[in-house]
N, C-alpha and C. Protein backbone atom coordinates (compact mmCIF):
# COMPACT_ATOMS: atom_id res chain seq x y z
N MET A 1 0.77 -1.28 -0.02
CA MET A 1 0.04 -0.03 -0.04
C MET A 1 0.89 1.22 0.00
N LYS A 2 1.98 1.27 0.86
CA LYS A 2 2.79 2.41 0.87
C LYS A 2 3.55 2.57 -0.56
N ASN A 3 3.92 1.49 -1.13
CA ASN A 3 4.47 1.71 -2.55
C ASN A 3 3.49 2.28 -3.58
N PHE A 4 2.22 1.89 -3.43
CA PHE A 4 1.22 2.56 -4.30
C PHE A 4 1.07 4.02 -4.07
N ILE A 5 1.06 4.40 -2.80
CA ILE A 5 0.90 5.77 -2.53
C ILE A 5 2.09 6.67 -3.11
N PHE A 6 3.29 5.98 -2.85
CA PHE A 6 4.66 6.61 -3.29
C PHE A 6 4.57 6.84 -4.76
N ILE A 7 4.14 5.75 -5.50
CA ILE A 7 4.10 5.81 -7.03
C ILE A 7 3.09 6.92 -7.43
N LEU A 8 1.98 7.05 -6.74
CA LEU A 8 0.99 7.99 -7.12
C LEU A 8 1.52 9.37 -6.93
N LEU A 9 2.21 9.63 -5.85
CA LEU A 9 2.67 11.01 -5.59
C LEU A 9 3.79 11.44 -6.58
N VAL A 10 4.65 10.33 -7.00
CA VAL A 10 5.70 10.61 -7.97
C VAL A 10 5.12 10.90 -9.37
N SER A 11 3.91 10.25 -9.71
CA SER A 11 3.14 10.46 -10.87
C SER A 11 2.61 11.86 -10.98
N LEU A 12 1.98 12.24 -9.80
CA LEU A 12 1.43 13.58 -9.86
C LEU A 12 2.52 14.68 -9.90
N PHE A 13 3.60 14.53 -9.26
CA PHE A 13 4.76 15.57 -9.26
C PHE A 13 5.32 15.64 -10.72
N ALA A 14 5.43 14.56 -11.34
CA ALA A 14 5.98 14.41 -12.80
C ALA A 14 5.01 15.24 -13.64
N SER A 15 3.73 14.92 -13.50
CA SER A 15 2.66 15.62 -14.42
C SER A 15 2.69 17.15 -14.20
N VAL A 16 2.80 17.62 -12.95
CA VAL A 16 2.86 19.08 -12.74
C VAL A 16 4.13 19.61 -13.32
N SER A 17 5.24 18.89 -13.22
CA SER A 17 6.61 19.47 -13.75
C SER A 17 6.45 19.60 -15.35
N ILE A 18 5.78 18.59 -15.92
CA ILE A 18 5.71 18.64 -17.51
C ILE A 18 4.88 19.75 -17.94
N ASN A 19 3.64 19.92 -17.15
CA ASN A 19 2.76 21.09 -17.46
C ASN A 19 3.43 22.31 -17.40
N ALA A 20 4.26 22.54 -16.31
CA ALA A 20 4.95 23.75 -16.14
C ALA A 20 5.90 24.08 -17.20
N GLN A 21 6.57 23.06 -17.72
CA GLN A 21 7.61 23.23 -18.80
C GLN A 21 6.95 23.52 -20.12
N THR A 22 5.72 22.90 -20.44
CA THR A 22 5.05 23.12 -21.71
C THR A 22 4.26 24.39 -21.71
N THR A 23 3.89 24.95 -20.65
CA THR A 23 3.18 26.14 -20.74
C THR A 23 3.99 27.29 -21.51
N PRO A 24 3.37 27.87 -22.56
CA PRO A 24 4.00 28.82 -23.31
C PRO A 24 4.18 30.08 -22.49
N THR A 25 5.39 30.70 -22.70
CA THR A 25 5.60 32.00 -21.98
C THR A 25 5.19 33.12 -22.90
N PRO A 26 4.46 34.04 -22.43
CA PRO A 26 4.05 35.18 -23.28
C PRO A 26 5.16 35.96 -23.85
N THR A 27 5.19 36.27 -25.04
CA THR A 27 6.15 37.16 -25.60
C THR A 27 5.84 38.53 -25.68
N PRO A 28 6.70 39.48 -25.18
CA PRO A 28 6.40 40.90 -25.09
C PRO A 28 5.97 41.52 -26.42
N ALA A 29 4.86 42.32 -26.40
CA ALA A 29 4.34 42.75 -27.74
C ALA A 29 5.43 43.77 -28.25
N ASN A 30 5.50 43.64 -29.58
CA ASN A 30 6.34 44.59 -30.22
C ASN A 30 5.89 46.04 -30.30
N THR A 31 6.57 46.79 -29.60
CA THR A 31 6.08 48.21 -29.35
C THR A 31 6.54 49.16 -30.41
N THR A 32 7.48 48.66 -31.16
CA THR A 32 8.09 49.61 -32.27
C THR A 32 7.33 49.22 -33.60
N THR A 33 6.85 50.36 -34.13
CA THR A 33 6.06 50.35 -35.37
C THR A 33 6.83 51.13 -36.43
N THR A 34 6.90 50.49 -37.61
CA THR A 34 7.67 51.12 -38.77
C THR A 34 6.72 51.95 -39.52
N THR A 35 7.01 53.21 -39.66
CA THR A 35 6.18 54.19 -40.41
C THR A 35 6.95 54.53 -41.65
N GLU A 36 6.29 54.59 -42.76
CA GLU A 36 6.86 54.87 -44.03
C GLU A 36 6.67 56.39 -44.22
N THR A 37 7.75 56.98 -44.46
CA THR A 37 7.72 58.51 -44.70
C THR A 37 7.21 58.88 -46.14
N LYS A 38 6.07 59.43 -46.19
CA LYS A 38 5.56 59.88 -47.60
C LYS A 38 6.09 61.22 -47.93
N PRO A 39 6.36 61.54 -49.22
CA PRO A 39 6.75 62.88 -49.55
C PRO A 39 5.61 63.91 -49.25
N LYS A 40 6.11 64.94 -48.76
CA LYS A 40 5.15 66.06 -48.42
C LYS A 40 4.58 66.61 -49.59
N ARG A 41 3.21 66.72 -49.65
CA ARG A 41 2.47 67.26 -50.84
C ARG A 41 2.72 68.83 -50.89
N GLN A 42 3.07 69.24 -52.08
CA GLN A 42 3.36 70.69 -52.17
C GLN A 42 2.07 71.45 -52.44
N ILE A 43 1.71 72.47 -51.73
CA ILE A 43 0.43 73.16 -51.91
C ILE A 43 0.82 74.45 -52.60
N PHE A 44 -0.02 74.81 -53.62
CA PHE A 44 0.20 76.05 -54.44
C PHE A 44 -0.55 77.15 -53.77
N ARG A 45 0.19 78.19 -53.65
CA ARG A 45 -0.45 79.40 -52.93
C ARG A 45 0.10 80.69 -53.71
N ALA A 46 -0.94 81.48 -54.03
CA ALA A 46 -0.64 82.80 -54.65
C ALA A 46 -0.18 83.75 -53.57
N ASN A 47 0.75 84.72 -53.98
CA ASN A 47 1.14 85.63 -53.01
C ASN A 47 0.19 86.97 -53.15
N LYS A 48 0.49 87.80 -52.16
CA LYS A 48 -0.31 89.03 -52.18
C LYS A 48 -0.24 89.92 -53.42
N ASP A 49 0.88 90.08 -54.01
CA ASP A 49 1.04 90.81 -55.19
C ASP A 49 0.23 90.31 -56.37
N GLN A 50 0.27 88.91 -56.51
CA GLN A 50 -0.45 88.09 -57.53
C GLN A 50 -1.88 88.34 -57.36
N ILE A 51 -2.42 88.20 -56.02
CA ILE A 51 -3.85 88.28 -55.84
C ILE A 51 -4.32 89.80 -56.27
N ILE A 52 -3.42 90.74 -55.91
CA ILE A 52 -3.86 92.11 -56.30
C ILE A 52 -3.92 92.34 -57.81
N GLN A 53 -3.02 91.67 -58.54
CA GLN A 53 -2.99 91.65 -60.01
C GLN A 53 -4.26 91.15 -60.58
N VAL A 54 -4.62 89.91 -59.95
CA VAL A 54 -5.89 89.21 -60.37
C VAL A 54 -7.15 89.99 -60.10
N GLN A 55 -7.12 90.66 -58.83
CA GLN A 55 -8.25 91.43 -58.53
C GLN A 55 -8.41 92.75 -59.42
N LYS A 56 -7.38 93.25 -59.78
CA LYS A 56 -7.42 94.38 -60.77
C LYS A 56 -7.88 93.89 -62.11
N MET A 57 -7.44 92.75 -62.55
CA MET A 57 -7.96 92.26 -63.74
C MET A 57 -9.41 91.96 -63.81
N LEU A 58 -9.84 91.41 -62.68
CA LEU A 58 -11.28 90.97 -62.54
C LEU A 58 -12.15 92.09 -62.08
N LYS A 59 -11.54 93.24 -61.87
CA LYS A 59 -12.26 94.61 -61.42
C LYS A 59 -13.08 94.35 -60.13
N VAL A 60 -12.31 93.80 -59.03
CA VAL A 60 -12.89 93.73 -57.78
C VAL A 60 -11.90 94.54 -56.92
N GLU A 61 -12.31 94.78 -55.68
CA GLU A 61 -11.53 95.57 -54.66
C GLU A 61 -10.11 94.90 -54.44
N GLU A 62 -9.11 95.76 -54.71
CA GLU A 62 -7.71 95.19 -54.54
C GLU A 62 -7.19 95.13 -53.14
N THR A 63 -7.66 94.02 -52.43
CA THR A 63 -7.37 93.80 -50.96
C THR A 63 -6.09 93.06 -50.87
N GLY A 64 -5.81 92.27 -51.80
CA GLY A 64 -4.58 91.29 -51.71
C GLY A 64 -4.92 90.18 -50.89
N LYS A 65 -6.33 89.96 -50.60
CA LYS A 65 -6.63 88.78 -49.85
C LYS A 65 -7.70 88.02 -50.75
N MET A 66 -7.76 86.71 -50.44
CA MET A 66 -8.66 85.88 -51.15
C MET A 66 -10.02 85.81 -50.41
N ASP A 67 -10.75 86.98 -50.56
CA ASP A 67 -12.07 87.16 -49.98
C ASP A 67 -13.11 86.42 -50.74
N ASP A 68 -14.43 86.48 -50.23
CA ASP A 68 -15.52 85.83 -51.00
C ASP A 68 -15.80 86.47 -52.28
N VAL A 69 -15.64 87.78 -52.43
CA VAL A 69 -15.94 88.50 -53.68
C VAL A 69 -14.78 88.09 -54.67
N THR A 70 -13.58 87.99 -54.34
CA THR A 70 -12.55 87.56 -55.27
C THR A 70 -12.68 86.17 -55.65
N ARG A 71 -13.02 85.20 -54.78
CA ARG A 71 -13.23 83.84 -55.11
C ARG A 71 -14.34 83.68 -56.05
N ALA A 72 -15.49 84.47 -55.88
CA ALA A 72 -16.63 84.35 -56.76
C ALA A 72 -16.22 84.89 -58.18
N ALA A 73 -15.43 85.93 -58.35
CA ALA A 73 -15.02 86.46 -59.48
C ALA A 73 -14.11 85.44 -60.34
N ILE A 74 -13.16 84.75 -59.51
CA ILE A 74 -12.33 83.70 -60.00
C ILE A 74 -13.17 82.57 -60.62
N LYS A 75 -14.08 82.15 -59.85
CA LYS A 75 -14.91 81.08 -60.20
C LYS A 75 -15.74 81.33 -61.45
N LYS A 76 -16.08 82.52 -61.70
CA LYS A 76 -16.84 82.95 -62.90
C LYS A 76 -15.88 82.95 -64.10
N TYR A 77 -14.64 83.45 -63.85
CA TYR A 77 -13.66 83.58 -64.90
C TYR A 77 -13.20 82.18 -65.42
N GLN A 78 -12.92 81.36 -64.57
CA GLN A 78 -12.41 79.95 -64.83
C GLN A 78 -13.13 79.21 -65.96
N PRO A 79 -14.35 78.92 -65.78
CA PRO A 79 -15.06 78.05 -66.90
C PRO A 79 -15.10 78.85 -68.18
N GLU A 80 -15.10 80.22 -68.13
CA GLU A 80 -15.08 80.94 -69.46
C GLU A 80 -13.75 80.86 -70.13
N ASN A 81 -12.70 80.26 -69.44
CA ASN A 81 -11.40 80.21 -70.04
C ASN A 81 -10.80 78.81 -70.08
N GLY A 82 -11.76 77.81 -70.03
CA GLY A 82 -11.41 76.39 -70.14
C GLY A 82 -10.75 75.86 -68.80
N LEU A 83 -11.03 76.55 -67.74
CA LEU A 83 -10.59 76.07 -66.44
C LEU A 83 -11.67 75.56 -65.53
N LYS A 84 -11.40 74.56 -64.62
CA LYS A 84 -12.42 74.09 -63.69
C LYS A 84 -12.76 75.17 -62.70
N ALA A 85 -14.03 75.28 -62.43
CA ALA A 85 -14.42 76.42 -61.62
C ALA A 85 -14.29 75.96 -60.09
N THR A 86 -13.09 76.36 -59.57
CA THR A 86 -12.69 76.00 -58.23
C THR A 86 -12.83 77.27 -57.27
N GLY A 87 -12.66 78.44 -57.88
CA GLY A 87 -12.63 79.68 -57.03
C GLY A 87 -11.25 79.88 -56.41
N THR A 88 -10.36 79.00 -56.69
CA THR A 88 -8.96 79.12 -56.21
C THR A 88 -8.02 79.78 -57.20
N LEU A 89 -6.89 80.23 -56.72
CA LEU A 89 -5.98 80.90 -57.57
C LEU A 89 -4.91 79.93 -57.71
N ASN A 90 -5.04 78.92 -58.60
CA ASN A 90 -4.09 77.85 -58.74
C ASN A 90 -3.10 78.26 -59.87
N ARG A 91 -2.11 77.40 -60.17
CA ARG A 91 -1.10 77.80 -61.20
C ARG A 91 -1.70 77.95 -62.61
N ALA A 92 -2.60 77.06 -62.96
CA ALA A 92 -3.22 77.13 -64.28
C ALA A 92 -3.97 78.48 -64.50
N THR A 93 -4.64 78.93 -63.43
CA THR A 93 -5.45 80.07 -63.48
C THR A 93 -4.59 81.43 -63.66
N LEU A 94 -3.50 81.37 -62.82
CA LEU A 94 -2.45 82.45 -62.92
C LEU A 94 -1.80 82.54 -64.36
N GLU A 95 -1.44 81.41 -64.84
CA GLU A 95 -0.84 81.31 -66.17
C GLU A 95 -1.78 81.85 -67.26
N LYS A 96 -3.18 81.49 -67.02
CA LYS A 96 -4.05 81.89 -68.02
C LYS A 96 -4.36 83.29 -68.09
N MET A 97 -4.12 84.00 -66.81
CA MET A 97 -4.21 85.46 -66.70
C MET A 97 -3.00 86.19 -67.01
N GLY A 98 -2.00 85.45 -67.27
CA GLY A 98 -0.69 85.99 -67.70
C GLY A 98 0.02 86.70 -66.48
N VAL A 99 -0.30 86.10 -65.30
CA VAL A 99 0.40 86.67 -64.04
C VAL A 99 1.60 85.90 -63.87
N GLU A 100 2.79 86.52 -63.69
CA GLU A 100 4.12 85.86 -63.56
C GLU A 100 4.14 85.04 -62.18
N LEU A 101 4.82 83.88 -62.33
CA LEU A 101 4.89 82.98 -61.25
C LEU A 101 6.21 83.21 -60.58
N THR A 102 6.38 82.90 -59.22
CA THR A 102 7.62 82.87 -58.59
C THR A 102 8.50 81.66 -58.90
N ASP A 103 9.84 81.70 -58.78
CA ASP A 103 10.57 80.52 -58.92
C ASP A 103 10.03 79.26 -58.17
N ARG A 104 9.59 79.56 -56.91
CA ARG A 104 9.19 78.49 -56.07
C ARG A 104 7.78 77.95 -56.63
N GLN A 105 7.00 78.75 -57.16
CA GLN A 105 5.74 78.20 -57.76
C GLN A 105 6.03 77.43 -58.97
N LYS A 106 7.00 77.90 -59.80
CA LYS A 106 7.31 77.07 -61.03
C LYS A 106 7.75 75.71 -60.78
N GLU A 107 8.24 75.45 -59.49
CA GLU A 107 8.63 73.97 -59.21
C GLU A 107 7.40 73.09 -58.96
N ILE A 108 6.20 73.66 -58.72
CA ILE A 108 5.03 72.90 -58.39
C ILE A 108 4.31 72.63 -59.71
N PRO A 109 4.25 71.41 -60.25
CA PRO A 109 3.56 71.24 -61.52
C PRO A 109 2.04 71.56 -61.35
N VAL A 110 1.52 71.86 -62.63
CA VAL A 110 0.03 72.19 -62.84
C VAL A 110 -0.72 70.94 -62.55
N SER A 111 -1.79 70.99 -61.75
CA SER A 111 -2.59 69.85 -61.53
C SER A 111 -3.62 69.75 -62.75
N PRO A 112 -3.58 68.48 -63.15
CA PRO A 112 -4.59 68.19 -64.31
C PRO A 112 -6.00 68.49 -64.03
N ASN A 113 -6.41 68.57 -62.76
CA ASN A 113 -7.75 68.77 -62.39
C ASN A 113 -8.10 70.29 -62.36
N SER A 114 -7.07 71.06 -62.81
CA SER A 114 -7.32 72.56 -62.95
C SER A 114 -8.17 72.84 -64.18
N TYR A 115 -8.21 71.97 -65.14
CA TYR A 115 -8.79 72.27 -66.38
C TYR A 115 -10.26 71.66 -66.51
N ALA A 116 -11.04 72.38 -67.15
CA ALA A 116 -12.54 72.01 -67.21
C ALA A 116 -12.68 70.61 -67.94
N SER A 117 -11.79 70.42 -68.78
CA SER A 117 -11.82 69.07 -69.51
C SER A 117 -11.25 67.89 -68.86
N ALA A 118 -10.72 68.16 -67.61
CA ALA A 118 -9.93 67.06 -66.80
C ALA A 118 -10.96 65.92 -66.53
N GLU A 119 -12.23 66.17 -66.23
CA GLU A 119 -13.12 65.10 -65.83
C GLU A 119 -13.51 64.28 -67.12
N THR A 120 -13.72 65.03 -68.18
CA THR A 120 -14.07 64.35 -69.48
C THR A 120 -13.05 63.53 -70.03
N ASN A 121 -11.78 63.92 -69.80
CA ASN A 121 -10.63 63.28 -70.37
C ASN A 121 -10.42 61.83 -69.70
N LYS A 122 -10.90 61.76 -68.37
CA LYS A 122 -10.72 60.43 -67.65
C LYS A 122 -11.63 59.33 -68.43
N THR A 123 -12.69 59.77 -68.98
CA THR A 123 -13.53 58.64 -69.54
C THR A 123 -13.38 58.54 -71.15
N SER A 124 -12.57 59.47 -71.72
CA SER A 124 -12.37 59.51 -73.11
C SER A 124 -11.47 58.40 -73.48
N ASP A 125 -11.34 58.04 -74.84
CA ASP A 125 -10.56 56.98 -75.40
C ASP A 125 -9.10 57.48 -75.38
N PRO A 126 -8.19 56.79 -74.65
CA PRO A 126 -6.91 57.23 -74.57
C PRO A 126 -6.16 57.10 -75.91
N THR A 127 -6.70 56.33 -76.90
CA THR A 127 -5.94 56.18 -78.15
C THR A 127 -6.20 57.45 -79.01
N LYS A 128 -7.22 58.24 -78.70
CA LYS A 128 -7.48 59.41 -79.56
C LYS A 128 -6.48 60.53 -79.20
N PRO A 129 -5.92 61.26 -80.19
CA PRO A 129 -4.97 62.27 -79.96
C PRO A 129 -5.64 63.49 -79.26
N LYS A 130 -4.82 64.10 -78.40
CA LYS A 130 -5.23 65.16 -77.57
C LYS A 130 -5.59 66.35 -78.47
N ARG A 131 -6.77 67.00 -78.13
CA ARG A 131 -7.27 68.09 -78.88
C ARG A 131 -6.29 69.34 -78.64
N ILE A 132 -5.94 70.00 -79.74
CA ILE A 132 -5.04 71.19 -79.60
C ILE A 132 -5.93 72.50 -79.41
N ILE A 133 -5.66 73.14 -78.40
CA ILE A 133 -6.33 74.40 -78.08
C ILE A 133 -5.67 75.60 -78.91
N PHE A 134 -6.60 76.30 -79.65
CA PHE A 134 -6.04 77.45 -80.45
C PHE A 134 -5.96 78.61 -79.49
N ARG A 135 -4.75 79.25 -79.61
CA ARG A 135 -4.61 80.52 -78.80
C ARG A 135 -4.04 81.53 -79.67
N ALA A 136 -4.39 82.78 -79.75
CA ALA A 136 -4.04 83.96 -80.40
C ALA A 136 -2.79 84.63 -79.50
N ASN A 137 -1.79 85.05 -80.27
CA ASN A 137 -0.62 85.72 -79.53
C ASN A 137 -0.88 87.18 -79.26
N LYS A 138 -0.01 87.79 -78.55
CA LYS A 138 -0.22 89.13 -78.09
C LYS A 138 -0.26 90.16 -79.34
N GLU A 139 0.40 89.89 -80.44
CA GLU A 139 0.46 90.81 -81.57
C GLU A 139 -0.91 90.69 -82.24
N GLN A 140 -1.38 89.44 -82.41
CA GLN A 140 -2.70 89.29 -82.98
C GLN A 140 -3.82 89.93 -82.16
N ILE A 141 -3.81 89.72 -80.86
CA ILE A 141 -4.83 90.44 -80.03
C ILE A 141 -4.67 91.98 -80.20
N MET A 142 -3.53 92.49 -80.26
CA MET A 142 -3.42 93.91 -80.48
C MET A 142 -4.01 94.38 -81.68
N GLU A 143 -3.80 93.59 -82.81
CA GLU A 143 -4.35 93.92 -84.20
C GLU A 143 -5.85 93.84 -84.09
N ALA A 144 -6.40 92.78 -83.42
CA ALA A 144 -7.75 92.70 -83.37
C ALA A 144 -8.38 93.89 -82.46
N GLN A 145 -7.72 94.23 -81.44
CA GLN A 145 -8.27 95.40 -80.63
C GLN A 145 -8.30 96.65 -81.41
N LYS A 146 -7.27 96.82 -82.25
CA LYS A 146 -7.26 97.89 -83.21
C LYS A 146 -8.34 97.90 -84.08
N MET A 147 -8.64 96.82 -84.83
CA MET A 147 -9.71 96.72 -85.75
C MET A 147 -11.14 96.91 -85.09
N LEU A 148 -11.27 96.27 -83.89
CA LEU A 148 -12.47 96.47 -83.14
C LEU A 148 -12.81 97.88 -82.71
N LYS A 149 -11.65 98.63 -82.44
CA LYS A 149 -11.76 100.06 -82.05
C LYS A 149 -12.20 100.77 -83.26
N THR A 150 -11.58 100.45 -84.37
CA THR A 150 -11.90 101.26 -85.65
C THR A 150 -13.31 101.15 -86.03
N ASN A 151 -14.00 99.86 -85.67
CA ASN A 151 -15.37 99.56 -86.09
C ASN A 151 -16.33 99.92 -84.90
N ASN A 152 -15.83 100.62 -83.80
CA ASN A 152 -16.64 101.01 -82.68
C ASN A 152 -17.11 99.75 -81.97
N PHE A 153 -16.45 98.69 -81.98
CA PHE A 153 -16.81 97.53 -81.09
C PHE A 153 -16.10 97.53 -79.78
N TYR A 154 -15.03 98.33 -79.77
CA TYR A 154 -14.09 98.29 -78.56
C TYR A 154 -13.64 99.69 -78.28
N THR A 155 -13.51 100.13 -77.06
CA THR A 155 -13.09 101.50 -76.69
C THR A 155 -11.85 101.57 -75.90
N GLY A 156 -11.24 100.38 -75.63
CA GLY A 156 -10.07 100.26 -74.75
C GLY A 156 -8.82 100.54 -75.50
N GLU A 157 -7.70 100.28 -74.82
CA GLU A 157 -6.38 100.29 -75.51
C GLU A 157 -5.88 98.97 -76.02
N GLU A 158 -4.88 99.16 -76.88
CA GLU A 158 -4.34 97.98 -77.47
C GLU A 158 -3.28 97.37 -76.55
N THR A 159 -3.72 96.65 -75.63
CA THR A 159 -2.99 96.02 -74.53
C THR A 159 -2.42 94.64 -74.93
N GLY A 160 -2.95 93.96 -75.87
CA GLY A 160 -2.56 92.66 -76.24
C GLY A 160 -3.06 91.55 -75.39
N LYS A 161 -4.03 91.90 -74.48
CA LYS A 161 -4.63 90.93 -73.45
C LYS A 161 -6.18 90.82 -73.69
N LEU A 162 -6.60 89.56 -73.67
CA LEU A 162 -8.05 89.28 -73.78
C LEU A 162 -8.77 89.60 -72.53
N ASP A 163 -8.93 90.96 -72.23
CA ASP A 163 -9.75 91.23 -71.04
C ASP A 163 -11.24 91.23 -71.37
N ASP A 164 -12.08 91.50 -70.39
CA ASP A 164 -13.51 91.51 -70.51
C ASP A 164 -14.00 92.45 -71.59
N ALA A 165 -13.44 93.67 -71.65
CA ALA A 165 -13.77 94.65 -72.77
C ALA A 165 -13.55 94.14 -74.15
N THR A 166 -12.39 93.51 -74.35
CA THR A 166 -11.99 92.99 -75.59
C THR A 166 -12.91 91.73 -76.00
N ARG A 167 -13.15 90.94 -75.03
CA ARG A 167 -14.31 89.84 -75.24
C ARG A 167 -15.47 90.23 -75.70
N ASP A 168 -16.01 91.32 -75.08
CA ASP A 168 -17.36 91.81 -75.40
C ASP A 168 -17.26 92.41 -76.86
N GLY A 169 -16.17 93.13 -77.20
CA GLY A 169 -16.03 93.54 -78.50
C GLY A 169 -15.97 92.52 -79.61
N LEU A 170 -15.35 91.44 -79.25
CA LEU A 170 -15.24 90.23 -80.14
C LEU A 170 -16.67 89.66 -80.30
N LYS A 171 -17.40 89.55 -79.26
CA LYS A 171 -18.77 89.02 -79.39
C LYS A 171 -19.64 89.87 -80.39
N LYS A 172 -19.53 91.28 -80.18
CA LYS A 172 -20.32 92.11 -81.08
C LYS A 172 -19.78 92.00 -82.48
N TYR A 173 -18.37 91.85 -82.74
CA TYR A 173 -17.95 91.68 -84.07
C TYR A 173 -18.41 90.42 -84.63
N GLN A 174 -18.27 89.32 -83.92
CA GLN A 174 -18.75 87.92 -84.35
C GLN A 174 -20.28 87.95 -84.74
N ALA A 175 -21.09 88.55 -83.85
CA ALA A 175 -22.52 88.62 -84.13
C ALA A 175 -22.83 89.45 -85.45
N ALA A 176 -22.08 90.49 -85.66
CA ALA A 176 -22.27 91.32 -86.84
C ALA A 176 -21.84 90.64 -88.20
N ASN A 177 -20.91 89.61 -87.93
CA ASN A 177 -20.24 88.93 -89.10
C ASN A 177 -20.75 87.49 -89.34
N ASN A 178 -21.88 87.30 -88.66
CA ASN A 178 -22.42 85.86 -88.78
C ASN A 178 -21.43 84.77 -88.34
N LEU A 179 -20.62 85.05 -87.35
CA LEU A 179 -19.76 84.01 -86.74
C LEU A 179 -20.26 83.48 -85.38
N LYS A 180 -19.82 82.41 -84.94
CA LYS A 180 -20.35 81.91 -83.77
C LYS A 180 -19.85 82.79 -82.61
N VAL A 181 -20.73 83.25 -81.81
CA VAL A 181 -20.51 84.23 -80.66
C VAL A 181 -19.77 83.52 -79.53
N THR A 182 -18.42 83.66 -79.40
CA THR A 182 -17.68 82.96 -78.38
C THR A 182 -17.00 84.04 -77.60
N GLY A 183 -16.62 85.18 -78.06
CA GLY A 183 -15.87 86.11 -77.29
C GLY A 183 -14.45 85.78 -77.28
N THR A 184 -13.96 84.74 -78.05
CA THR A 184 -12.61 84.32 -78.13
C THR A 184 -12.04 84.62 -79.41
N LEU A 185 -10.80 84.86 -79.50
CA LEU A 185 -10.15 85.18 -80.74
C LEU A 185 -9.67 83.89 -81.41
N ASN A 186 -10.54 83.17 -81.88
CA ASN A 186 -10.28 81.84 -82.61
C ASN A 186 -9.85 82.13 -83.96
N LYS A 187 -9.52 80.89 -84.64
CA LYS A 187 -8.97 80.80 -86.01
C LYS A 187 -9.88 81.56 -87.07
N ILE A 188 -11.18 81.19 -86.99
CA ILE A 188 -12.16 81.67 -87.79
C ILE A 188 -12.35 83.25 -87.63
N THR A 189 -12.19 83.74 -86.52
CA THR A 189 -12.37 85.10 -86.27
C THR A 189 -11.17 85.79 -86.80
N LEU A 190 -9.94 85.34 -86.62
CA LEU A 190 -8.73 85.98 -86.96
C LEU A 190 -8.83 86.01 -88.58
N GLU A 191 -9.13 84.93 -89.15
CA GLU A 191 -9.28 84.98 -90.72
C GLU A 191 -10.21 85.85 -91.27
N LYS A 192 -11.33 86.04 -90.51
CA LYS A 192 -12.36 87.03 -90.93
C LYS A 192 -11.89 88.39 -90.85
N MET A 193 -11.06 88.64 -89.86
CA MET A 193 -10.45 90.00 -89.63
C MET A 193 -9.26 90.26 -90.59
N GLY A 194 -8.75 89.23 -91.29
CA GLY A 194 -7.69 89.33 -92.16
C GLY A 194 -6.37 89.38 -91.41
N ILE A 195 -6.36 88.87 -90.17
CA ILE A 195 -5.14 88.82 -89.44
C ILE A 195 -4.43 87.44 -89.64
N ALA A 196 -3.15 87.52 -90.03
CA ALA A 196 -2.40 86.41 -90.42
C ALA A 196 -2.14 85.44 -89.33
N LEU A 197 -2.24 84.04 -89.63
CA LEU A 197 -1.91 83.06 -88.64
C LEU A 197 -0.49 82.93 -88.68
N THR A 198 0.07 82.40 -87.54
CA THR A 198 1.46 81.96 -87.42
C THR A 198 1.59 80.53 -88.06
N ASP A 199 2.78 80.15 -88.46
CA ASP A 199 2.98 78.84 -88.99
C ASP A 199 2.61 77.78 -88.01
N LYS A 200 2.94 77.89 -86.76
CA LYS A 200 2.55 76.99 -85.72
C LYS A 200 1.03 76.88 -85.65
N GLN A 201 0.27 77.99 -85.67
CA GLN A 201 -1.19 78.00 -85.60
C GLN A 201 -1.81 77.18 -86.81
N LYS A 202 -1.16 77.41 -88.05
CA LYS A 202 -1.61 76.69 -89.32
C LYS A 202 -1.37 75.33 -89.06
N GLU A 203 -0.22 74.80 -88.64
CA GLU A 203 0.04 73.45 -88.38
C GLU A 203 -0.89 72.82 -87.43
N ASN A 204 -1.14 73.36 -86.33
CA ASN A 204 -2.01 72.94 -85.28
C ASN A 204 -3.46 72.85 -85.92
N SER A 205 -3.87 73.77 -86.63
CA SER A 205 -5.19 73.69 -87.12
C SER A 205 -5.32 72.43 -88.16
N MET A 206 -4.30 72.09 -88.90
CA MET A 206 -4.27 71.07 -89.90
C MET A 206 -4.43 69.73 -89.03
N LYS A 207 -3.65 69.76 -87.98
CA LYS A 207 -3.66 68.48 -87.13
C LYS A 207 -5.04 68.30 -86.43
N ASP A 208 -5.65 69.39 -86.06
CA ASP A 208 -6.96 69.36 -85.33
C ASP A 208 -8.04 68.88 -86.21
N SER A 209 -7.78 69.17 -87.51
CA SER A 209 -8.98 68.91 -88.48
C SER A 209 -8.82 67.35 -89.04
N GLN A 210 -7.72 66.74 -88.68
CA GLN A 210 -7.57 65.30 -89.23
C GLN A 210 -8.23 64.33 -88.42
């Protein structure tokens, strides 16, 4: 009987020892997390002088601040000039207005979302060639302004810029000459005015018609 009790105690002791050895010890949680450093997104901002230039062009109070009146005027200007109506003074808008960029701003690329056609281009056939936008140069605009002034369609100066007064004059001229009223100095309007196209404009027109 004593032997049986001794064997039983030894068995119990052995089983406790085995359980103790096989119990897994918790491993400390890894408190260090690896974070990937993403490149900082560059935000384009117009400076005070640029805002004043734009306000002067849009004929609003020249405060040098992006107030609600300025944003509304920009938002109206943008879709009329092939830009997306954001109400912000982005790089594409400044360039369209002919406002000089700073060296720092030139380092920030133009966002494709700045253009009105950006959304439609996403769903368009990528195999189709990109449509070439016709633009008149400064000399052609000055010639057009001179002609519009001679015909009493425009009373401003020959600035070489397509401002609101020039666009209004172009609309009157186009309507009087049975042209599509766009207010832009397009190829058809230039030809109707007898203003010569540049070789580049002729080349682009041929490509666009193909």
